[in-house]
PDB file of N, CA and C in Angstrom:
ATOM      1  N   UNK A   1     133.786  95.002 131.409  1.00  0.00           N
ATOM      2  CA  UNK A   1     132.006  95.204 131.788  1.00  0.00           C
ATOM      3  C   UNK A   1     131.560  96.180 132.210  1.00  0.00           C
ATOM      4  N   UNK A   2     132.374  96.542 132.947  1.00  0.00           N
ATOM      5  CA  UNK A   2     131.570  98.311 133.517  1.00  0.00           C
ATOM      6  C   UNK A   2     131.643  98.740 132.866  1.00  0.00           C
ATOM      7  N   UNK A   3     132.822  99.075 131.584  1.00  0.00           N
ATOM      8  CA  UNK A   3     132.862 100.081 130.541  1.00  0.00           C
ATOM      9  C   UNK A   3     131.229  99.773 129.633  1.00  0.00           C
ATOM     10  N   UNK A   4     131.336  98.467 129.639  1.00  0.00           N
ATOM     11  CA  UNK A   4     129.801  98.256 128.631  1.00  0.00           C
ATOM     12  C   UNK A   4     128.420  98.803 129.510  1.00  0.00           C
ATOM     13  N   UNK A   5     128.191  98.871 131.075  1.00  0.00           N
ATOM     14  CA  UNK A   5     127.146  98.777 131.433  1.00  0.00           C
ATOM     15  C   UNK A   5     127.256 100.578 131.841  1.00  0.00           C
ATOM     16  N   UNK A   6     128.467 101.282 131.535  1.00  0.00           N
ATOM     17  CA  UNK A   6     128.569 102.793 131.270  1.00  0.00           C
ATOM     18  C   UNK A   6     127.719 102.957 129.953  1.00  0.00           C
ATOM     19  N   UNK A   7     128.328 102.485 128.831  1.00  0.00           N
ATOM     20  CA  UNK A   7     127.573 102.900 127.815  1.00  0.00           C
ATOM     21  C   UNK A   7     125.840 102.644 127.954  1.00  0.00           C
ATOM     22  N   UNK A   8     125.569 101.408 128.252  1.00  0.00           N
ATOM     23  CA  UNK A   8     124.107 101.410 128.364  1.00  0.00           C
ATOM     24  C   UNK A   8     123.439 102.107 128.972  1.00  0.00           C
ATOM     25  N   UNK A   9     124.133 102.445 129.997  1.00  0.00           N
ATOM     26  CA  UNK A   9     123.280 103.863 130.979  1.00  0.00           C
ATOM     27  C   UNK A   9     123.246 105.185 130.038  1.00  0.00           C
ATOM     28  N   UNK A  10     124.461 105.002 129.464  1.00  0.00           N
ATOM     29  CA  UNK A  10     124.499 106.606 128.456  1.00  0.00           C
ATOM     30  C   UNK A  10     123.080 106.496 127.257  1.00  0.00           C
ATOM     31  N   UNK A  11     122.948 105.088 126.714  1.00  0.00           N
ATOM     32  CA  UNK A  11     122.141 104.672 125.742  1.00  0.00           C
ATOM     33  C   UNK A  11     120.770 105.002 126.209  1.00  0.00           C
ATOM     34  N   UNK A  12     120.500 104.279 127.431  1.00  0.00           N
ATOM     35  CA  UNK A  12     118.940 104.339 127.908  1.00  0.00           C
ATOM     36  C   UNK A  12     118.954 105.598 128.439  1.00  0.00           C
ATOM     37  N   UNK A  13     119.958 106.821 129.083  1.00  0.00           N
ATOM     38  CA  UNK A  13     119.659 107.985 129.063  1.00  0.00           C
ATOM     39  C   UNK A  13     119.296 108.855 127.870  1.00  0.00           C
ATOM     40  N   UNK A  14     119.785 108.326 126.733  1.00  0.00           N
ATOM     41  CA  UNK A  14     119.646 108.893 125.313  1.00  0.00           C
ATOM     42  C   UNK A  14     117.930 108.640 124.945  1.00  0.00           C
ATOM     43  N   UNK A  15     117.747 107.757 125.247  1.00  0.00           N
ATOM     44  CA  UNK A  15     116.496 106.961 125.005  1.00  0.00           C
ATOM     45  C   UNK A  15     115.646 107.784 125.725  1.00  0.00           C
ATOM     46  N   UNK A  16     115.761 107.759 126.801  1.00  0.00           N
ATOM     47  CA  UNK A  16     114.906 108.888 127.656  1.00  0.00           C
ATOM     48  C   UNK A  16     114.355 110.099 126.959  1.00  0.00           C
ATOM     49  N   UNK A  17     115.497 110.630 126.927  1.00  0.00           N
ATOM     50  CA  UNK A  17     115.787 111.753 126.238  1.00  0.00           C
ATOM     51  C   UNK A  17     114.998 112.208 124.925  1.00  0.00           C
ATOM     52  N   UNK A  18     114.871 111.035 124.068  1.00  0.00           N
ATOM     53  CA  UNK A  18     114.318 110.609 122.889  1.00  0.00           C
ATOM     54  C   UNK A  18     112.697 110.767 123.124  1.00  0.00           C
ATOM     55  N   UNK A  19     112.198 110.121 123.598  1.00  0.00           N
ATOM     56  CA  UNK A  19     110.869 109.840 124.373  1.00  0.00           C
ATOM     57  C   UNK A  19     110.460 111.092 124.946  1.00  0.00           C
ATOM     58  N   UNK A  20     111.156 111.797 125.282  1.00  0.00           N
ATOM     59  CA  UNK A  20     110.704 112.846 126.444  1.00  0.00           C
ATOM     60  C   UNK A  20     109.889 113.815 125.358  1.00  0.00           C
ATOM     61  N   UNK A  21     111.075 113.983 124.422  1.00  0.00           N
ATOM     62  CA  UNK A  21     110.808 114.820 122.837  1.00  0.00           C
ATOM     63  C   UNK A  21     110.166 114.130 121.764  1.00  0.00           C
ATOM     64  N   UNK A  22     109.849 112.751 121.840  1.00  0.00           N
ATOM     65  CA  UNK A  22     108.533 112.534 121.136  1.00  0.00           C
ATOM     66  C   UNK A  22     107.241 113.068 121.515  1.00  0.00           C
ATOM     67  N   UNK A  23     107.509 113.069 123.206  1.00  0.00           N
ATOM     68  CA  UNK A  23     106.006 112.914 124.082  1.00  0.00           C
ATOM     69  C   UNK A  23     106.170 114.595 123.526  1.00  0.00           C
ATOM     70  N   UNK A  24     106.740 115.404 123.712  1.00  0.00           N
ATOM     71  CA  UNK A  24     106.671 116.988 123.569  1.00  0.00           C
ATOM     72  C   UNK A  24     105.956 117.219 122.376  1.00  0.00           C
ATOM     73  N   UNK A  25     106.774 116.924 121.063  1.00  0.00           N
ATOM     74  CA  UNK A  25     106.434 116.817 119.992  1.00  0.00           C
ATOM     75  C   UNK A  25     104.867 116.107 120.009  1.00  0.00           C
ATOM     76  N   UNK A  26     104.493 115.599 120.260  1.00  0.00           N
ATOM     77  CA  UNK A  26     102.629 114.836 120.172  1.00  0.00           C
ATOM     78  C   UNK A  26     101.741 115.374 120.551  1.00  0.00           C
ATOM     79  N   UNK A  27     102.641 116.506 122.174  1.00  0.00           N
ATOM     80  CA  UNK A  27     101.673 116.870 122.868  1.00  0.00           C
ATOM     81  C   UNK A  27     101.464 118.139 122.015  1.00  0.00           C
ATOM     82  N   UNK A  28     102.181 118.963 121.814  1.00  0.00           N
ATOM     83  CA  UNK A  28     102.238 120.321 120.642  1.00  0.00           C
ATOM     84  C   UNK A  28     101.254 119.843 119.370  1.00  0.00           C
ATOM     85  N   UNK A  29     101.539 118.525 118.368  1.00  0.00           N
ATOM     86  CA  UNK A  29     100.867 118.302 117.731  1.00  0.00           C
ATOM     87  C   UNK A  29      99.279 118.333 118.243  1.00  0.00           C
ATOM     88  N   UNK A  30      99.015 117.355 119.386  1.00  0.00           N
ATOM     89  CA  UNK A  30      97.927 117.337 119.587  1.00  0.00           C
ATOM     90  C   UNK A  30      96.687 118.891 120.273  1.00  0.00           C
ATOM     91  N   UNK A  31      97.753 120.065 120.494  1.00  0.00           N
ATOM     92  CA  UNK A  31      97.566 121.266 120.701  1.00  0.00           C
ATOM     93  C   UNK A  31      97.131 121.838 119.422  1.00  0.00           C
ATOM     94  N   UNK A  32      97.967 121.699 118.534  1.00  0.00           N
ATOM     95  CA  UNK A  32      97.394 122.273 117.244  1.00  0.00           C
ATOM     96  C   UNK A  32      96.683 121.789 116.584  1.00  0.00           C
ATOM     97  N   UNK A  33      96.533 120.534 116.429  1.00  0.00           N
ATOM     98  CA  UNK A  33      95.248 119.866 116.231  1.00  0.00           C
ATOM     99  C   UNK A  33      93.878 120.616 116.713  1.00  0.00           C
ATOM    100  N   UNK A  34      93.991 120.612 117.814  1.00  0.00           N
ATOM    101  CA  UNK A  34      92.948 121.146 118.654  1.00  0.00           C
ATOM    102  C   UNK A  34      92.517 122.704 118.596  1.00  0.00           C
ATOM    103  N   UNK A  35      93.850 123.339 118.520  1.00  0.00           N
ATOM    104  CA  UNK A  35      93.590 125.261 118.211  1.00  0.00           C
ATOM    105  C   UNK A  35      92.810 125.096 116.452  1.00  0.00           C
ATOM    106  N   UNK A  36      92.904 124.169 115.697  1.00  0.00           N
ATOM    107  CA  UNK A  36      92.743 123.989 114.409  1.00  0.00           C
ATOM    108  C   UNK A  36      91.483 123.668 114.557  1.00  0.00           C
ATOM    109  N   UNK A  37      90.949 122.858 115.147  1.00  0.00           N
ATOM    110  CA  UNK A  37      89.592 122.331 115.053  1.00  0.00           C
ATOM    111  C   UNK A  37      88.668 123.484 115.879  1.00  0.00           C
ATOM    112  N   UNK A  38      89.239 124.430 116.845  1.00  0.00           N
ATOM    113  CA  UNK A  38      88.677 125.235 117.369  1.00  0.00           C
ATOM    114  C   UNK A  38      88.274 126.282 116.329  1.00  0.00           C
ATOM    115  N   UNK A  39      89.421 126.846 115.553  1.00  0.00           N
ATOM    116  CA  UNK A  39      89.295 127.989 114.561  1.00  0.00           C
ATOM    117  C   UNK A  39      88.037 127.801 113.667  1.00  0.00           C
ATOM    118  N   UNK A  40      88.346 126.142 113.399  1.00  0.00           N
ATOM    119  CA  UNK A  40      87.107 125.822 112.122  1.00  0.00           C
ATOM    120  C   UNK A  40      86.155 126.131 112.302  1.00  0.00           C
ATOM    121  N   UNK A  41      85.563 125.827 113.868  1.00  0.00           N
ATOM    122  CA  UNK A  41      84.363 125.692 114.403  1.00  0.00           C
ATOM    123  C   UNK A  41      83.622 126.841 114.962  1.00  0.00           C
ATOM    124  N   UNK A  42      85.111 127.872 115.079  1.00  0.00           N
ATOM    125  CA  UNK A  42      84.528 129.087 115.564  1.00  0.00           C
ATOM    126  C   UNK A  42      83.287 129.627 114.969  1.00  0.00           C
ATOM    127  N   UNK A  43      82.623 129.487 113.871  1.00  0.00           N
ATOM    128  CA  UNK A  43      81.825 129.770 112.884  1.00  0.00           C
ATOM    129  C   UNK A  43      80.725 129.133 113.580  1.00  0.00           C
ATOM    130  N   UNK A  44      80.682 128.087 114.361  1.00  0.00           N
ATOM    131  CA  UNK A  44      79.310 127.731 114.740  1.00  0.00           C
ATOM    132  C   UNK A  44      78.888 128.392 115.821  1.00  0.00           C
ATOM    133  N   UNK A  45      79.383 129.571 116.185  1.00  0.00           N
ATOM    134  CA  UNK A  45      79.205 130.453 117.276  1.00  0.00           C
ATOM    135  C   UNK A  45      78.201 131.380 116.475  1.00  0.00           C
ATOM    136  N   UNK A  46      77.969 131.632 114.914  1.00  0.00           N
ATOM    137  CA  UNK A  46      77.149 132.294 114.680  1.00  0.00           C
ATOM    138  C   UNK A  46      75.952 131.500 113.886  1.00  0.00           C
ATOM    139  N   UNK A  47      76.245 129.956 113.631  1.00  0.00           N
ATOM    140  CA  UNK A  47      75.610 129.333 112.914  1.00  0.00           C
ATOM    141  C   UNK A  47      75.382 129.735 111.821  1.00  0.00           C
ATOM    142  N   UNK A  48      76.893 130.544 111.043  1.00  0.00           N
ATOM    143  CA  UNK A  48      76.961 130.838 109.860  1.00  0.00           C
ATOM    144  C   UNK A  48      76.811 132.228 109.883  1.00  0.00           C
ATOM    145  N   UNK A  49      76.598 132.692 110.531  1.00  0.00           N
ATOM    146  CA  UNK A  49      75.871 134.081 110.259  1.00  0.00           C
ATOM    147  C   UNK A  49      76.675 135.320 111.446  1.00  0.00           C
ATOM    148  N   UNK A  50      77.319 136.008 110.582  1.00  0.00           N
ATOM    149  CA  UNK A  50      78.185 136.866 111.487  1.00  0.00           C
ATOM    150  C   UNK A  50      78.137 137.879 112.111  1.00  0.00           C
ATOM    151  N   UNK A  51      77.540 138.548 111.075  1.00  0.00           N
ATOM    152  CA  UNK A  51      76.581 139.970 111.420  1.00  0.00           C
ATOM    153  C   UNK A  51      75.630 140.208 110.134  1.00  0.00           C
ATOM    154  N   UNK A  52      74.893 141.207 110.110  1.00  0.00           N
ATOM    155  CA  UNK A  52      73.819 141.259 109.114  1.00  0.00           C
ATOM    156  C   UNK A  52      74.833 141.389 107.705  1.00  0.00           C
ATOM    157  N   UNK A  53      74.569 141.003 106.780  1.00  0.00           N
ATOM    158  CA  UNK A  53      74.958 141.008 105.431  1.00  0.00           C
ATOM    159  C   UNK A  53      75.909 139.770 105.098  1.00  0.00           C
ATOM    160  N   UNK A  54      76.650 139.544 106.804  1.00  0.00           N
ATOM    161  CA  UNK A  54      77.322 138.122 106.315  1.00  0.00           C
ATOM    162  C   UNK A  54      77.342 136.933 106.528  1.00  0.00           C
ATOM    163  N   UNK A  55      77.776 136.119 105.864  1.00  0.00           N
ATOM    164  CA  UNK A  55      77.469 134.334 106.191  1.00  0.00           C
ATOM    165  C   UNK A  55      78.824 133.943 105.859  1.00  0.00           C
ATOM    166  N   UNK A  56      78.762 132.652 106.710  1.00  0.00           N
ATOM    167  CA  UNK A  56      80.019 131.841 106.265  1.00  0.00           C
ATOM    168  C   UNK A  56      79.661 130.872 105.208  1.00  0.00           C
ATOM    169  N   UNK A  57      80.674 130.865 104.005  1.00  0.00           N
ATOM    170  CA  UNK A  57      80.462 130.179 103.044  1.00  0.00           C
ATOM    171  C   UNK A  57      81.623 128.816 103.240  1.00  0.00           C
ATOM    172  N   UNK A  58      80.945 128.069 103.398  1.00  0.00           N
ATOM    173  CA  UNK A  58      81.920 126.359 103.500  1.00  0.00           C
ATOM    174  C   UNK A  58      82.482 126.610 102.596  1.00  0.00           C
ATOM    175  N   UNK A  59      82.364 126.278 101.379  1.00  0.00           N
ATOM    176  CA  UNK A  59      82.878 126.461 100.139  1.00  0.00           C
ATOM    177  C   UNK A  59      84.491 126.948 100.054  1.00  0.00           C
ATOM    178  N   UNK A  60      84.159 128.469 100.603  1.00  0.00           N
ATOM    179  CA  UNK A  60      85.385 128.879 100.658  1.00  0.00           C
ATOM    180  C   UNK A  60      86.274 129.796 101.379  1.00  0.00           C
ATOM    181  N   UNK A  61      85.787 129.211 102.753  1.00  0.00           N
ATOM    182  CA  UNK A  61      86.283 128.983 104.078  1.00  0.00           C
ATOM    183  C   UNK A  61      86.624 130.678 104.109  1.00  0.00           C
ATOM    184  N   UNK A  62      85.470 131.471 103.790  1.00  0.00           N
ATOM    185  CA  UNK A  62      85.068 132.934 103.784  1.00  0.00           C
ATOM    186  C   UNK A  62      83.849 133.606 104.208  1.00  0.00           C
ATOM    187  N   UNK A  63      84.104 134.437 104.569  1.00  0.00           N
ATOM    188  CA  UNK A  63      82.621 135.415 104.880  1.00  0.00           C
ATOM    189  C   UNK A  63      82.111 136.003 103.599  1.00  0.00           C
ATOM    190  N   UNK A  64      81.120 135.862 103.214  1.00  0.00           N
ATOM    191  CA  UNK A  64      80.647 135.931 101.832  1.00  0.00           C
ATOM    192  C   UNK A  64      79.857 137.409 102.486  1.00  0.00           C
ATOM    193  N   UNK A  65      79.941 138.324 101.613  1.00  0.00           N
ATOM    194  CA  UNK A  65      79.139 139.763 102.368  1.00  0.00           C
ATOM    195  C   UNK A  65      78.144 139.840 100.582  1.00  0.00           C
ATOM    196  N   UNK A  66      76.919 140.238 101.312  1.00  0.00           N
ATOM    197  CA  UNK A  66      75.998 140.879 100.354  1.00  0.00           C
ATOM    198  C   UNK A  66      75.351 142.268 101.043  1.00  0.00           C
ATOM    199  N   UNK A  67      74.891 143.046 100.226  1.00  0.00           N
ATOM    200  CA  UNK A  67      74.450 144.236 100.702  1.00  0.00           C
ATOM    201  C   UNK A  67      72.931 144.552  99.800  1.00  0.00           C
ATOM    202  N   UNK A  68      72.291 144.933 100.385  1.00  0.00           N
ATOM    203  CA  UNK A  68      70.783 145.535  99.429  1.00  0.00           C
ATOM    204  C   UNK A  68      71.389 146.871  99.180  1.00  0.00           C
ATOM    205  N   UNK A  69      71.543 147.288  97.499  1.00  0.00           N
ATOM    206  CA  UNK A  69      71.622 148.686  97.404  1.00  0.00           C
ATOM    207  C   UNK A  69      70.539 148.994  96.351  1.00  0.00           C
ATOM    208  N   UNK A  70      70.107 149.954  96.529  1.00  0.00           N
ATOM    209  CA  UNK A  70      68.844 150.644  95.704  1.00  0.00           C
ATOM    210  C   UNK A  70      67.865 149.364  95.370  1.00  0.00           C
ATOM    211  N   UNK A  71      67.599 148.363  96.338  1.00  0.00           N
ATOM    212  CA  UNK A  71      66.383 147.545  96.226  1.00  0.00           C
ATOM    213  C   UNK A  71      67.146 146.353  95.487  1.00  0.00           C
ATOM    214  N   UNK A  72      68.018 146.083  95.162  1.00  0.00           N
ATOM    215  CA  UNK A  72      69.168 145.299  94.963  1.00  0.00           C
ATOM    216  C   UNK A  72      70.068 144.210  95.641  1.00  0.00           C
ATOM    217  N   UNK A  73      70.061 143.288  95.374  1.00  0.00           N
ATOM    218  CA  UNK A  73      71.209 142.663  96.311  1.00  0.00           C
ATOM    219  C   UNK A  73      72.431 142.343  95.920  1.00  0.00           C
ATOM    220  N   UNK A  74      73.185 142.818  96.241  1.00  0.00           N
ATOM    221  CA  UNK A  74      74.823 142.992  95.358  1.00  0.00           C
ATOM    222  C   UNK A  74      75.928 142.141  96.659  1.00  0.00           C
ATOM    223  N   UNK A  75      76.284 141.219  95.520  1.00  0.00           N
ATOM    224  CA  UNK A  75      77.440 140.506  96.141  1.00  0.00           C
ATOM    225  C   UNK A  75      79.033 141.617  96.256  1.00  0.00           C
ATOM    226  N   UNK A  76      79.095 141.203  97.891  1.00  0.00           N
ATOM    227  CA  UNK A  76      80.232 142.575  97.749  1.00  0.00           C
ATOM    228  C   UNK A  76      81.505 141.808  97.870  1.00  0.00           C
ATOM    229  N   UNK A  77      81.870 140.560  97.994  1.00  0.00           N
ATOM    230  CA  UNK A  77      82.870 140.055  98.265  1.00  0.00           C
ATOM    231  C   UNK A  77      83.027 138.903  99.194  1.00  0.00           C
ATOM    232  N   UNK A  78      83.991 138.267  99.286  1.00  0.00           N
ATOM    233  CA  UNK A  78      83.973 137.044 100.373  1.00  0.00           C
ATOM    234  C   UNK A  78      85.593 137.666 101.001  1.00  0.00           C
ATOM    235  N   UNK A  79      85.429 137.369 102.324  1.00  0.00           N
ATOM    236  CA  UNK A  79      86.789 137.816 103.412  1.00  0.00           C
ATOM    237  C   UNK A  79      87.061 136.609 104.352  1.00  0.00           C
ATOM    238  N   UNK A  80      88.001 136.361 104.772  1.00  0.00           N
ATOM    239  CA  UNK A  80      88.590 135.546 105.271  1.00  0.00           C
ATOM    240  C   UNK A  80      88.606 136.292 106.724  1.00  0.00           C
ATOM    241  N   UNK A  81      88.593 137.472 107.170  1.00  0.00           N
ATOM    242  CA  UNK A  81      88.187 137.485 108.587  1.00  0.00           C
ATOM    243  C   UNK A  81      86.591 138.438 108.845  1.00  0.00           C
ATOM    244  N   UNK A  82      86.001 137.975 110.055  1.00  0.00           N
ATOM    245  CA  UNK A  82      84.547 138.750 109.908  1.00  0.00           C
ATOM    246  C   UNK A  82      84.792 140.201 109.927  1.00  0.00           C
ATOM    247  N   UNK A  83      86.210 140.525 110.654  1.00  0.00           N
ATOM    248  CA  UNK A  83      85.994 142.149 111.027  1.00  0.00           C
ATOM    249  C   UNK A  83      86.293 142.365 109.447  1.00  0.00           C
ATOM    250  N   UNK A  84      86.776 142.232 108.613  1.00  0.00           N
ATOM    251  CA  UNK A  84      87.176 142.620 107.320  1.00  0.00           C
ATOM    252  C   UNK A  84      85.585 142.783 106.749  1.00  0.00           C
ATOM    253  N   UNK A  85      84.898 141.328 106.722  1.00  0.00           N
ATOM    254  CA  UNK A  85      83.558 141.532 106.314  1.00  0.00           C
ATOM    255  C   UNK A  85      82.753 142.313 106.386  1.00  0.00           C
ATOM    256  N   UNK A  86      82.218 142.638 107.693  1.00  0.00           N
ATOM    257  CA  UNK A  86      81.658 143.723 108.252  1.00  0.00           C
ATOM    258  C   UNK A  86      81.678 145.158 108.040  1.00  0.00           C
ATOM    259  N   UNK A  87      83.236 145.292 107.759  1.00  0.00           N
ATOM    260  CA  UNK A  87      83.522 146.786 107.042  1.00  0.00           C
ATOM    261  C   UNK A  87      83.291 146.893 105.837  1.00  0.00           C
ATOM    262  N   UNK A  88      83.456 145.552 104.915  1.00  0.00           N
ATOM    263  CA  UNK A  88      83.071 145.865 103.103  1.00  0.00           C
ATOM    264  C   UNK A  88      81.296 146.193 103.717  1.00  0.00           C
ATOM    265  N   UNK A  89      80.823 145.839 104.336  1.00  0.00           N
ATOM    266  CA  UNK A  89      79.491 145.554 104.208  1.00  0.00           C
ATOM    267  C   UNK A  89      78.981 146.975 104.670  1.00  0.00           C
ATOM    268  N   UNK A  90      79.341 147.429 105.733  1.00  0.00           N
ATOM    269  CA  UNK A  90      79.676 149.091 106.054  1.00  0.00           C
ATOM    270  C   UNK A  90      79.652 149.863 104.838  1.00  0.00           C
ATOM    271  N   UNK A  91      80.721 149.744 104.160  1.00  0.00           N
ATOM    272  CA  UNK A  91      81.241 150.529 103.037  1.00  0.00           C
ATOM    273  C   UNK A  91      79.904 150.610 102.248  1.00  0.00           C
ATOM    274  N   UNK A  92      79.441 149.288 101.815  1.00  0.00           N
ATOM    275  CA  UNK A  92      78.385 148.839 100.706  1.00  0.00           C
ATOM    276  C   UNK A  92      77.548 149.518 101.156  1.00  0.00           C
ATOM    277  N   UNK A  93      76.537 149.469 102.174  1.00  0.00           N
ATOM    278  CA  UNK A  93      75.556 150.359 102.880  1.00  0.00           C
ATOM    279  C   UNK A  93      75.637 151.795 103.027  1.00  0.00           C
ATOM    280  N   UNK A  94      77.310 152.400 102.880  1.00  0.00           N
ATOM    281  CA  UNK A  94      77.029 153.725 103.117  1.00  0.00           C
ATOM    282  C   UNK A  94      77.118 154.408 101.375  1.00  0.00           C
ATOM    283  N   UNK A  95      78.042 153.628 100.592  1.00  0.00           N
ATOM    284  CA  UNK A  95      77.963 154.108  99.189  1.00  0.00           C
ATOM    285  C   UNK A  95      76.456 154.201  98.859  1.00  0.00           C
ATOM    286  N   UNK A  96      75.753 152.915  99.288  1.00  0.00           N
ATOM    287  CA  UNK A  96      74.380 153.264  98.457  1.00  0.00           C
ATOM    288  C   UNK A  96      73.585 154.312  99.418  1.00  0.00           C
ATOM    289  N   UNK A  97      73.912 154.870 100.303  1.00  0.00           N
ATOM    290  CA  UNK A  97      73.076 155.791 101.062  1.00  0.00           C
ATOM    291  C   UNK A  97      73.332 157.230 100.579  1.00  0.00           C
ATOM    292  N   UNK A  98      74.718 157.270  99.673  1.00  0.00           N
ATOM    293  CA  UNK A  98      74.961 158.950  99.053  1.00  0.00           C
ATOM    294  C   UNK A  98      74.684 158.910  97.472  1.00  0.00           C
ATOM    295  N   UNK A  99      74.404 157.575  97.212  1.00  0.00           N
ATOM    296  CA  UNK A  99      73.419 157.520  95.975  1.00  0.00           C
ATOM    297  C   UNK A  99      72.224 157.940  95.731  1.00  0.00           C
TER     298      UNK A  99
END
């Protein structure tokens, strides 16, 4: 009987360890969901406007860049990062000023 009690205690400790591991995984998943939500909502800081010529394209989940070149609006492209979108806008404007 003492042996059975020892086995039950071992099983109880294993259950506690499993419960703790499960709780840690659930916490990590919650943190990941919160981070993902924060990333998706980061564009709301700009209300869809990142910088001159850069707007958030919800359909493509990217920054759409347009620039006025020689009196015409051209689509420069879509970029995942706002930094890249700003650089593309600047390049488009610089190339138009050289022409």
